[in-house]
Amino acid sequence: MARVVIYPLLACAFITFMIISPYMKQQRHHDGRHGLSRRLGHNFTVPNFDPLLVNMQRLAAEKGLVDDGDEPISLDKTYEPAAVEGANEYFTDEGKLNVTLRFFVLFPLLDNRPKDGKVSLEELEAWNIEQAIDRLNYRTIKAMELRDKDGDGEISFSEYLPQFSAQDIERNEMGNGEAGWWMERFRNADSDRNGTLNLKEFTDFLYPEDSSNEEIKKWNLREKIKEIDEDDDGKLNYEEFSQKAYLGYRSYTEYYDEADVHSAEKMFQVLDLNKDGFLEVDELIPIHPYLKPGEISFAKYFSSYQISRADDNKDGSLTIDEMLNHELVFYSSLYGQDETDDDDEFHEEL
């Protein structure tokens, strides 16, 4: 009983220890995760590698100890490992997370395609994507709990956007944020056309960048075209593509696999299926993840970043020793961030 009572105090000790640790301060200089996010042109949430820490964060949010149960766990707040089933064994009596033990628990879960004693890029991608999907589902469930006033497990347009009147909807104004704009997005997400959104459809509605719904993808691409379509003809000519759209494609593909990077001219030719000299929405679908990337896309590229940082022998996969030698690559969100260091890393990458 006494051991349970002292764990909140141990968690505080854990926080203090990690914040003042000079080792952590030294290692943070090598953490370019935010530089990667900026290089790719979007501000993404860094994937949280360890589900145990995610559960601690969410439980703390439910108890009102922190504001958001979906942010990466941070050491400037107090968590209670004793309140999370099975968490205590991973903390020492001094309140420090036993990262080595966590790696020994998690490594077999990652190493499964096949189980060969190494974690490949594909295995790490699958793990990080799973965490990203869990994060999106968690957010959607919380949003549904907040908005589903009648408790039927479905979200109507008026439940999510009660500020719009029937007259607003009838006017159907299509400016960004207007009732018609929202209604079009809502209808595209409503794949079964029953007038309300179930959990999957609501996720598509909230996070169109991560949706597999073809109608949502097309809607998302039309929005992207509006941003870069200088002559407002609803499609992209070569100049519009090469000067704006191509940059997103190149940033992602270049980082992930330089061998697969096509020139702007080559990529335009590949996408222009009807050879009319323009790219329309349907032709842009293959590069949707590059033009309008979401957290699932970022999880994929963050996996490549993690491999590049921790793969000491450059064989394209990670042993448990390599992961232990580079624990901050996987547990970086525990140790806060330093914008100056991140900016330095970002410039080094460029």
Protein backbone atom coordinates (compact mmCIF):
# COMPACT_ATOMS: atom_id res chain seq x y z
CA MET A 1 0.00 0.00 0.00
CA ALA A 2 2.81 2.40 0.93
CA ARG A 3 4.48 1.73 -2.42
CA VAL A 4 1.34 2.83 -4.27
CA VAL A 5 1.05 6.03 -2.23
CA ILE A 6 4.58 7.22 -2.94
CA TYR A 7 4.44 6.80 -6.72
CA PRO A 8 3.11 10.29 -7.44
CA LEU A 9 6.11 11.59 -5.47
CA LEU A 10 8.41 9.32 -7.43
CA ALA A 11 6.97 10.64 -10.65
CA CYS A 12 7.85 14.17 -9.51
CA ALA A 13 11.36 12.99 -8.68
CA PHE A 14 11.56 11.46 -12.16
CA ILE A 15 10.59 14.82 -13.64
CA THR A 16 13.18 16.72 -11.63
CA PHE A 17 15.91 14.22 -12.41
CA MET A 18 15.37 14.34 -16.15
CA ILE A 19 15.07 18.12 -16.34
CA ILE A 20 18.33 18.79 -14.55
CA SER A 21 20.24 15.97 -16.17
CA PRO A 22 23.18 17.42 -18.18
CA TYR A 23 23.19 14.29 -20.29
CA MET A 24 19.70 15.04 -21.52
CA LYS A 25 20.60 18.64 -22.27
CA GLN A 26 23.61 17.51 -24.26
CA GLN A 27 21.61 14.95 -26.23
CA ARG A 28 18.78 17.32 -27.08
CA HIS A 29 21.05 19.11 -29.51
CA HIS A 30 20.92 16.04 -31.71
CA ASP A 31 17.15 15.85 -31.79
CA GLY A 32 15.98 17.18 -35.16
CA ARG A 33 12.38 16.01 -35.01
CA HIS A 34 10.95 19.53 -35.21
CA GLY A 35 13.43 20.39 -37.94
CA LEU A 36 12.06 17.43 -39.88
CA SER A 37 8.53 18.70 -39.38
CA ARG A 38 9.45 22.16 -40.66
CA ARG A 39 11.47 20.76 -43.53
CA LEU A 40 8.39 18.89 -44.72
CA GLY A 41 6.38 22.10 -44.50
CA HIS A 42 3.89 21.20 -41.78
CA ASN A 43 3.75 21.32 -38.00
CA PHE A 44 2.94 17.76 -36.98
CA THR A 45 2.64 16.19 -33.56
CA VAL A 46 5.68 14.02 -32.92
CA PRO A 47 4.54 10.37 -32.80
CA ASN A 48 4.63 8.99 -29.26
CA PHE A 49 6.58 5.75 -29.44
CA ASP A 50 5.42 4.15 -26.18
CA PRO A 51 1.69 3.40 -25.59
CA LEU A 52 2.35 3.21 -21.84
CA LEU A 53 3.21 6.90 -21.76
CA VAL A 54 0.20 7.71 -23.92
CA ASN A 55 -2.06 5.98 -21.39
CA MET A 56 -0.44 7.90 -18.54
CA GLN A 57 -1.02 11.18 -20.36
CA ARG A 58 -4.65 10.37 -21.10
CA LEU A 59 -5.39 9.27 -17.55
CA ALA A 60 -3.81 12.47 -16.25
CA ALA A 61 -6.07 14.45 -18.60
CA GLU A 62 -9.15 12.59 -17.37
CA LYS A 63 -8.21 13.51 -13.81
CA GLY A 64 -7.71 17.14 -14.78
CA LEU A 65 -3.97 17.10 -14.08
CA VAL A 66 -3.13 18.17 -17.64
CA ASP A 67 -5.13 19.85 -20.39
CA ASP A 68 -4.82 17.38 -23.23
CA GLY A 69 -4.68 13.59 -23.13
CA ASP A 70 -3.38 13.38 -26.67
CA GLU A 71 -0.20 15.43 -26.50
CA PRO A 72 3.17 13.68 -26.15
CA ILE A 73 3.95 13.13 -22.48
CA SER A 74 6.13 15.88 -21.06
CA LEU A 75 8.22 16.08 -17.91
CA ASP A 76 7.02 19.54 -16.92
CA LYS A 77 3.77 17.99 -15.69
CA THR A 78 2.93 15.43 -13.00
CA TYR A 79 1.78 11.93 -13.90
CA GLU A 80 0.82 9.03 -11.70
CA PRO A 81 2.29 5.74 -12.93
CA ALA A 82 0.61 3.94 -10.05
CA ALA A 83 -2.76 4.79 -11.54
CA VAL A 84 -1.98 3.04 -14.85
CA GLU A 85 -2.23 -0.73 -14.72
CA GLY A 86 1.20 -2.30 -15.11
CA ALA A 87 3.07 1.01 -15.13
CA ASN A 88 4.75 0.76 -11.73
CA GLU A 89 7.15 -1.98 -12.77
CA TYR A 90 8.66 0.34 -15.38
CA PHE A 91 9.63 3.02 -12.87
CA THR A 92 12.53 2.77 -10.44
CA ASP A 93 12.24 3.66 -6.78
CA GLU A 94 13.76 7.04 -7.72
CA GLY A 95 10.88 7.65 -10.12
CA LYS A 96 12.93 7.20 -13.31
CA LEU A 97 11.45 5.40 -16.28
CA ASN A 98 13.30 2.18 -16.99
CA VAL A 99 13.76 2.77 -20.70
CA THR A 100 15.85 -0.37 -21.13
CA LEU A 101 13.06 -2.54 -19.76
CA ARG A 102 10.53 -0.80 -21.99
CA PHE A 103 12.66 -1.51 -25.05
CA PHE A 104 12.88 -5.19 -24.12
CA VAL A 105 9.08 -5.28 -23.84
CA LEU A 106 8.36 -3.31 -27.02
CA PHE A 107 11.07 -4.69 -29.32
CA PRO A 108 9.36 -8.10 -29.90
CA LEU A 109 6.14 -6.24 -30.78
CA LEU A 110 7.95 -4.29 -33.48
CA ASP A 111 10.08 -7.17 -34.76
CA ASN A 112 7.40 -9.33 -36.38
CA ARG A 113 7.74 -9.19 -40.21
CA PRO A 114 9.63 -11.54 -39.77
CA LYS A 115 11.00 -12.04 -36.28
CA ASP A 116 14.70 -11.82 -37.12
CA GLY A 117 16.17 -9.82 -34.25
CA LYS A 118 15.98 -6.54 -36.21
CA VAL A 119 13.38 -3.84 -36.73
CA SER A 120 13.12 -2.89 -40.39
CA LEU A 121 11.83 0.39 -41.74
CA GLU A 122 8.59 -1.34 -42.72
CA GLU A 123 8.13 -2.71 -39.18
CA LEU A 124 8.84 0.66 -37.59
CA GLU A 125 6.48 2.37 -40.04
CA ALA A 126 3.70 -0.08 -39.14
CA TRP A 127 4.23 0.64 -35.45
CA ASN A 128 4.30 4.43 -35.81
CA ILE A 129 1.29 4.41 -38.14
CA GLU A 130 -0.60 2.31 -35.58
CA GLN A 131 0.18 4.92 -32.92
CA ALA A 132 -0.94 7.72 -35.25
CA ILE A 133 -4.23 5.96 -36.00
CA ASP A 134 -4.80 5.42 -32.30
CA ARG A 135 -4.21 9.13 -31.72
CA LEU A 136 -6.69 10.14 -34.45
CA ASN A 137 -9.32 7.70 -33.15
CA TYR A 138 -8.86 8.97 -29.60
CA ARG A 139 -9.37 12.56 -30.69
CA THR A 140 -12.45 11.60 -32.72
CA ILE A 141 -13.99 9.72 -29.79
CA LYS A 142 -13.43 12.70 -27.51
CA ALA A 143 -14.94 15.06 -30.10
CA MET A 144 -17.92 12.74 -30.53
CA GLU A 145 -18.50 12.57 -26.78
CA LEU A 146 -18.54 16.36 -26.72
CA ARG A 147 -20.77 16.90 -29.77
CA ASP A 148 -23.14 13.91 -29.80
CA LYS A 149 -25.93 15.58 -27.84
CA ASP A 150 -28.53 12.83 -28.34
CA GLY A 151 -26.08 10.00 -27.63
CA ASP A 152 -26.91 8.00 -30.76
CA GLY A 153 -23.28 7.45 -31.76
CA GLU A 154 -23.70 9.64 -34.85
CA ILE A 155 -22.88 13.28 -35.49
CA SER A 156 -25.32 15.45 -37.42
CA PHE A 157 -24.32 18.66 -39.16
CA SER A 158 -26.21 20.74 -36.60
CA GLU A 159 -24.58 18.90 -33.68
CA TYR A 160 -21.10 19.71 -34.93
CA LEU A 161 -21.83 23.19 -36.33
CA PRO A 162 -24.84 24.55 -34.41
CA GLN A 163 -23.89 28.13 -35.30
CA PHE A 164 -25.25 27.70 -38.84
CA SER A 165 -28.98 28.27 -39.33
CA ALA A 166 -31.18 26.64 -41.95
CA GLN A 167 -30.95 29.92 -43.87
CA ASP A 168 -27.13 29.77 -43.80
CA ILE A 169 -27.22 26.26 -45.20
CA GLU A 170 -29.74 27.25 -47.87
CA ARG A 171 -27.57 30.17 -49.01
CA ASN A 172 -24.80 27.58 -49.55
CA GLU A 173 -21.95 30.09 -49.50
CA MET A 174 -18.75 28.26 -50.41
CA GLY A 175 -16.08 30.51 -48.93
CA ASN A 176 -13.67 28.79 -46.57
CA GLY A 177 -15.48 28.35 -43.26
CA GLU A 178 -18.92 29.24 -44.64
CA ALA A 179 -21.91 26.94 -44.20
CA GLY A 180 -21.80 25.63 -47.78
CA TRP A 181 -18.08 24.89 -47.50
CA TRP A 182 -18.61 22.90 -44.31
CA MET A 183 -21.64 21.14 -45.75
CA GLU A 184 -19.70 19.96 -48.80
CA ARG A 185 -16.99 18.55 -46.54
CA PHE A 186 -19.66 16.91 -44.36
CA ARG A 187 -21.44 15.29 -47.30
CA ASN A 188 -18.21 13.93 -48.74
CA ALA A 189 -17.39 12.33 -45.39
CA ASP A 190 -20.88 10.82 -45.13
CA SER A 191 -20.06 7.77 -47.22
CA ASP A 192 -23.30 5.89 -46.46
CA ARG A 193 -25.35 9.02 -47.27
CA ASN A 194 -27.59 8.74 -44.21
CA GLY A 195 -27.15 12.39 -43.19
CA THR A 196 -25.03 11.71 -40.10
CA LEU A 197 -21.44 10.66 -39.44
CA ASN A 198 -20.45 7.49 -37.63
CA LEU A 199 -17.06 7.21 -35.93
CA LYS A 200 -15.15 6.34 -39.13
CA GLU A 201 -16.91 9.03 -41.15
CA PHE A 202 -16.41 11.58 -38.39
CA THR A 203 -12.68 10.83 -38.39
CA ASP A 204 -12.62 11.42 -42.15
CA PHE A 205 -14.46 14.70 -41.63
CA LEU A 206 -12.12 15.93 -38.88
CA TYR A 207 -8.90 14.69 -40.48
CA PRO A 208 -9.35 14.69 -44.27
CA GLU A 209 -5.59 14.51 -44.84
CA ASP A 210 -5.55 11.02 -43.30
CA SER A 211 -8.72 9.71 -44.93
CA SER A 212 -8.87 6.78 -47.35
CA ASN A 213 -12.27 8.01 -48.59
CA GLU A 214 -11.83 8.90 -52.28
CA GLU A 215 -14.44 11.67 -52.14
CA ILE A 216 -12.69 13.25 -49.17
CA LYS A 217 -9.37 13.01 -50.99
CA LYS A 218 -10.85 14.79 -54.00
CA TRP A 219 -12.37 17.48 -51.79
CA ASN A 220 -9.02 17.92 -50.07
CA LEU A 221 -7.22 18.20 -53.41
CA ARG A 222 -9.71 20.77 -54.69
CA GLU A 223 -8.89 22.84 -51.62
CA LYS A 224 -5.18 22.47 -52.36
CA ILE A 225 -5.68 23.48 -56.00
CA LYS A 226 -7.46 26.65 -54.84
CA GLU A 227 -4.33 27.61 -52.93
CA ILE A 228 -2.00 27.41 -55.93
CA ASP A 229 -4.25 27.80 -58.97
CA GLU A 230 -3.20 31.28 -60.12
CA ASP A 231 -5.54 31.47 -63.12
CA ASP A 232 -8.52 30.00 -61.20
CA ASP A 233 -9.37 27.40 -63.84
CA GLY A 234 -9.67 24.55 -61.30
CA LYS A 235 -6.60 22.66 -62.52
CA LEU A 236 -2.83 22.99 -62.56
CA ASN A 237 -0.69 23.82 -65.55
CA TYR A 238 2.99 22.89 -65.56
CA GLU A 239 4.14 26.22 -64.14
CA GLU A 240 1.68 26.07 -61.22
CA PHE A 241 2.64 22.47 -60.52
CA SER A 242 6.39 22.92 -60.74
CA GLN A 243 6.57 26.10 -58.67
CA LYS A 244 4.26 25.01 -55.85
CA ALA A 245 2.78 21.52 -55.83
CA TYR A 246 6.00 19.79 -56.85
CA LEU A 247 7.90 21.18 -53.86
CA GLY A 248 5.80 19.16 -51.42
CA TYR A 249 6.28 16.00 -53.43
CA ARG A 250 10.04 16.55 -53.65
CA SER A 251 10.48 17.33 -49.93
CA TYR A 252 8.86 14.06 -48.88
CA THR A 253 10.23 11.77 -51.55
CA GLU A 254 13.74 13.18 -51.35
CA TYR A 255 13.86 12.60 -47.61
CA TYR A 256 12.36 9.14 -47.81
CA ASP A 257 14.11 7.72 -50.88
CA GLU A 258 16.25 9.92 -53.10
CA ALA A 259 16.32 7.25 -55.80
CA ASP A 260 12.59 7.70 -56.42
CA VAL A 261 12.63 11.49 -56.88
CA HIS A 262 11.43 12.47 -60.37
CA SER A 263 12.07 15.88 -61.89
CA ALA A 264 9.10 18.26 -62.03
CA GLU A 265 8.82 17.69 -65.77
CA LYS A 266 8.91 13.90 -65.45
CA MET A 267 6.41 13.89 -62.59
CA PHE A 268 4.02 16.12 -64.51
CA GLN A 269 4.18 13.78 -67.50
CA VAL A 270 3.50 10.74 -65.31
CA LEU A 271 0.47 12.36 -63.67
CA ASP A 272 -1.00 13.92 -66.82
CA LEU A 273 -2.83 10.80 -67.95
CA ASN A 274 -4.89 12.39 -70.71
CA LYS A 275 -1.88 14.41 -71.95
CA ASP A 276 -3.83 17.67 -72.15
CA GLY A 277 -1.14 19.71 -70.39
CA PHE A 278 -3.15 20.12 -67.16
CA LEU A 279 -3.50 18.21 -63.91
CA GLU A 280 -7.03 17.84 -62.57
CA VAL A 281 -8.19 16.45 -59.23
CA ASP A 282 -8.38 12.79 -60.32
CA GLU A 283 -4.86 12.93 -61.75
CA LEU A 284 -3.45 14.35 -58.50
CA ILE A 285 -4.80 11.56 -56.28
CA PRO A 286 -1.53 9.51 -56.49
CA ILE A 287 0.39 12.36 -54.80
CA HIS A 288 -2.34 13.33 -52.32
CA PRO A 289 -0.16 12.30 -49.33
CA TYR A 290 2.53 14.75 -50.51
CA LEU A 291 0.24 17.68 -51.33
CA LYS A 292 -1.98 17.40 -48.24
CA PRO A 293 -0.03 15.25 -45.77
CA GLY A 294 -1.57 14.13 -42.50
CA GLU A 295 -0.29 12.51 -39.34
CA ILE A 296 -0.27 9.04 -40.87
CA SER A 297 1.96 10.30 -43.68
CA PHE A 298 4.19 12.02 -41.15
CA ALA A 299 4.44 8.83 -39.07
CA LYS A 300 5.85 7.11 -42.15
CA TYR A 301 8.49 9.76 -42.73
CA PHE A 302 9.28 10.07 -39.05
CA SER A 303 10.08 6.36 -39.10
CA SER A 304 12.65 7.02 -41.81
CA TYR A 305 14.10 9.78 -39.63
CA GLN A 306 14.36 7.41 -36.67
CA ILE A 307 16.12 4.76 -38.74
CA SER A 308 18.58 7.32 -40.11
CA ARG A 309 19.43 8.49 -36.58
CA ALA A 310 19.78 5.15 -34.83
CA ASP A 311 21.10 2.80 -37.54
CA ASP A 312 24.77 2.77 -36.54
CA ASN A 313 25.91 0.11 -39.02
CA LYS A 314 23.76 1.55 -41.84
CA ASP A 315 22.14 -1.78 -42.75
CA GLY A 316 18.68 -0.23 -42.93
CA SER A 317 17.33 -1.85 -39.76
CA LEU A 318 17.68 -1.52 -36.00
CA THR A 319 18.90 -3.95 -33.38
CA ILE A 320 17.82 -3.54 -29.80
CA ASP A 321 21.33 -2.33 -28.95
CA GLU A 322 21.08 0.43 -31.56
CA MET A 323 17.74 1.52 -30.14
CA LEU A 324 19.14 1.53 -26.61
CA ASN A 325 22.14 3.54 -27.79
CA HIS A 326 19.79 6.17 -29.24
CA GLU A 327 16.93 6.16 -26.76
CA LEU A 328 16.21 9.87 -27.29
CA VAL A 329 15.29 9.19 -30.90
CA PHE A 330 12.35 7.19 -29.57
CA TYR A 331 11.69 8.90 -26.24
CA SER A 332 12.49 12.46 -27.29
CA SER A 333 9.06 13.78 -26.28
CA LEU A 334 9.92 12.97 -22.66
CA TYR A 335 12.70 15.51 -22.55
CA GLY A 336 11.05 18.64 -23.86
CA GLN A 337 12.34 20.65 -26.80
CA ASP A 338 14.82 23.39 -27.52
CA GLU A 339 13.83 25.54 -30.46
CA THR A 340 17.34 26.88 -30.94
CA ASP A 341 18.81 23.40 -31.16
CA ASP A 342 16.03 22.30 -33.47
CA ASP A 343 16.66 25.25 -35.78
CA ASP A 344 20.35 24.36 -35.90
CA GLU A 345 19.47 20.80 -36.82
CA PHE A 346 17.04 21.99 -39.44
CA HIS A 347 19.70 24.08 -41.14
CA GLU A 348 22.13 21.19 -41.01
CA GLU A 349 19.60 18.98 -42.80
CA LEU A 350 19.18 21.56 -45.56
